[in-house]
């Protein structure tokens, strides 16, 4: 079980604009502090924390943040329309396109995904794999 994911950011305000364009729609709540941004899924009364948390922070060593080569963080959307909507919202909030939403031949017939880069260059995927929606083969 992954407990949390952290990405570095040199411009927290810019990162907040990007991630707040889609994470609240995926039920993540935002808490801000002097240490950066903390996005967490809400837990009901008496429930354990719902994981993973997602953190956006300045680097710990003070050097510029950088994206990992081959690193990608994927967030599951509720459906294909939400993938499209959130991909567009993230682009409007300062992200860059890494692959328009759609089906990919190398994945299962219901795996619908769009790819982005955040303002720092981290690769983000927004996907849905609902078998009740139309698949790649119709």
Protein backbone atom coordinates (compact mmCIF):
# COMPACT_ATOMS: atom_id res chain seq x y z
CA UNK A 1 0.00 0.00 0.00
CA UNK A 2 1.40 3.37 -0.95
CA UNK A 3 0.94 5.83 1.93
CA UNK A 4 1.91 9.05 0.15
CA UNK A 5 3.60 10.56 -2.87
CA UNK A 6 5.62 13.79 -2.76
CA UNK A 7 6.71 15.94 -5.68
CA UNK A 8 8.99 18.93 -5.43
CA UNK A 9 8.02 22.37 -6.67
CA UNK A 10 9.97 25.60 -6.97
CA UNK A 11 6.79 27.68 -7.29
CA UNK A 12 4.16 26.46 -4.82
CA UNK A 13 1.51 28.95 -6.00
CA UNK A 14 1.85 27.73 -9.58
CA UNK A 15 1.72 24.10 -8.42
CA UNK A 16 -1.38 24.85 -6.35
CA UNK A 17 -3.16 26.31 -9.38
CA UNK A 18 -2.33 23.19 -11.42
CA UNK A 19 -3.19 20.50 -8.85
CA UNK A 20 -6.26 22.32 -7.55
CA UNK A 21 -7.65 22.26 -11.09
CA UNK A 22 -8.32 18.51 -10.80
CA UNK A 23 -7.57 16.94 -7.40
CA UNK A 24 -10.66 18.38 -5.62
CA UNK A 25 -12.83 16.80 -8.36
CA UNK A 26 -11.25 13.47 -7.39
CA UNK A 27 -12.29 14.10 -3.76
CA UNK A 28 -8.91 15.30 -2.47
CA UNK A 29 -9.00 18.01 0.22
CA UNK A 30 -6.20 20.59 0.36
CA UNK A 31 -4.36 21.75 3.45
CA UNK A 32 -1.70 24.42 3.05
CA UNK A 33 1.16 25.15 5.40
CA UNK A 34 4.56 26.76 5.34
CA UNK A 35 5.86 23.32 4.29
CA UNK A 36 3.78 23.22 1.08
CA UNK A 37 0.55 21.60 -0.08
CA UNK A 38 -1.03 18.45 1.34
CA UNK A 39 -3.85 16.79 -0.61
CA UNK A 40 -5.68 14.01 1.22
CA UNK A 41 -8.78 11.93 0.67
CA UNK A 42 -11.34 12.48 3.43
CA UNK A 43 -11.97 9.78 6.01
CA UNK A 44 -15.32 9.43 7.69
CA UNK A 45 -15.75 9.51 11.47
CA UNK A 46 -13.98 6.54 13.01
CA UNK A 47 -12.35 5.57 9.70
CA UNK A 48 -8.64 5.16 9.12
CA UNK A 49 -6.96 7.54 6.72
CA UNK A 50 -7.73 6.90 3.05
CA UNK A 51 -4.43 6.57 1.23
CA UNK A 52 -2.42 7.73 -0.57
CA UNK A 53 -1.87 11.35 0.35
CA UNK A 54 -0.27 13.61 -2.22
CA UNK A 55 2.21 16.32 -1.20
CA UNK A 56 3.71 19.21 -3.15
CA UNK A 57 6.66 20.75 -1.32
CA UNK A 58 9.82 22.74 -1.81
CA UNK A 59 12.82 20.44 -2.01
CA UNK A 60 14.36 19.38 1.29
CA UNK A 61 17.92 20.08 0.16
CA UNK A 62 17.15 23.57 -1.21
CA UNK A 63 18.29 22.70 -4.74
CA UNK A 64 15.89 23.15 -7.68
CA UNK A 65 13.10 20.61 -7.99
CA UNK A 66 13.26 18.27 -10.97
CA UNK A 67 11.03 15.62 -12.48
CA UNK A 68 12.17 12.01 -12.38
CA UNK A 69 12.87 10.38 -15.72
CA UNK A 70 10.41 7.51 -16.01
CA UNK A 71 8.42 8.66 -12.98
CA UNK A 72 4.66 9.14 -13.36
CA UNK A 73 1.82 9.60 -10.90
CA UNK A 74 -1.62 8.35 -11.94
CA UNK A 75 -4.95 9.52 -10.51
CA UNK A 76 -8.12 7.53 -11.17
CA UNK A 77 -11.08 9.53 -12.44
CA UNK A 78 -14.70 8.44 -12.10
CA UNK A 79 -15.32 8.11 -15.87
CA UNK A 80 -14.00 8.98 -19.33
CA UNK A 81 -15.75 12.37 -19.42
CA UNK A 82 -14.08 13.33 -16.17
CA UNK A 83 -10.69 12.37 -17.62
CA UNK A 84 -11.34 14.75 -20.53
CA UNK A 85 -12.68 17.53 -18.31
CA UNK A 86 -9.86 17.33 -15.77
CA UNK A 87 -7.20 17.08 -18.47
CA UNK A 88 -8.56 20.31 -19.98
CA UNK A 89 -8.77 22.00 -16.57
CA UNK A 90 -5.18 21.04 -15.74
CA UNK A 91 -3.95 22.40 -19.10
CA UNK A 92 -5.79 25.68 -18.45
CA UNK A 93 -4.17 25.81 -15.00
CA UNK A 94 -0.61 25.75 -16.34
CA UNK A 95 0.03 22.13 -17.24
CA UNK A 96 1.37 20.91 -20.56
CA UNK A 97 -0.03 18.11 -22.71
CA UNK A 98 1.79 14.76 -22.80
CA UNK A 99 -0.98 12.85 -24.54
CA UNK A 100 -4.61 13.72 -25.18
CA UNK A 101 -7.25 11.59 -23.44
CA UNK A 102 -8.10 8.40 -25.26
CA UNK A 103 -7.51 4.69 -25.45
CA UNK A 104 -4.00 3.30 -25.90
CA UNK A 105 -3.37 0.11 -27.86
CA UNK A 106 -0.89 -1.19 -25.29
CA UNK A 107 -3.43 -1.18 -22.43
CA UNK A 108 -6.69 -3.01 -21.81
CA UNK A 109 -9.78 -2.20 -23.87
CA UNK A 110 -11.35 -0.03 -21.14
CA UNK A 111 -8.24 1.87 -20.02
CA UNK A 112 -8.90 5.51 -20.99
CA UNK A 113 -6.09 7.90 -20.12
CA UNK A 114 -4.76 11.42 -20.65
CA UNK A 115 -1.23 12.54 -19.79
CA UNK A 116 0.08 15.89 -18.54
CA UNK A 117 3.16 17.56 -17.13
CA UNK A 118 2.77 19.80 -14.12
CA UNK A 119 4.53 23.21 -14.15
CA UNK A 120 7.64 21.58 -12.65
CA UNK A 121 7.74 18.84 -15.31
CA UNK A 122 6.34 15.92 -13.28
CA UNK A 123 4.33 13.50 -15.44
CA UNK A 124 0.72 13.00 -14.39
CA UNK A 125 -1.84 10.52 -15.73
CA UNK A 126 -5.60 10.83 -15.35
CA UNK A 127 -7.35 7.57 -16.15
CA UNK A 128 -10.60 5.63 -16.02
CA UNK A 129 -11.08 1.93 -16.60
CA UNK A 130 -14.80 1.51 -16.01
CA UNK A 131 -15.95 -1.68 -17.78
CA UNK A 132 -19.50 -0.25 -17.97
CA UNK A 133 -18.38 2.49 -20.37
CA UNK A 134 -17.70 1.97 -24.09
CA UNK A 135 -14.26 0.47 -24.64
CA UNK A 136 -11.61 0.86 -27.30
CA UNK A 137 -13.28 -1.75 -29.48
CA UNK A 138 -16.69 -0.09 -29.44
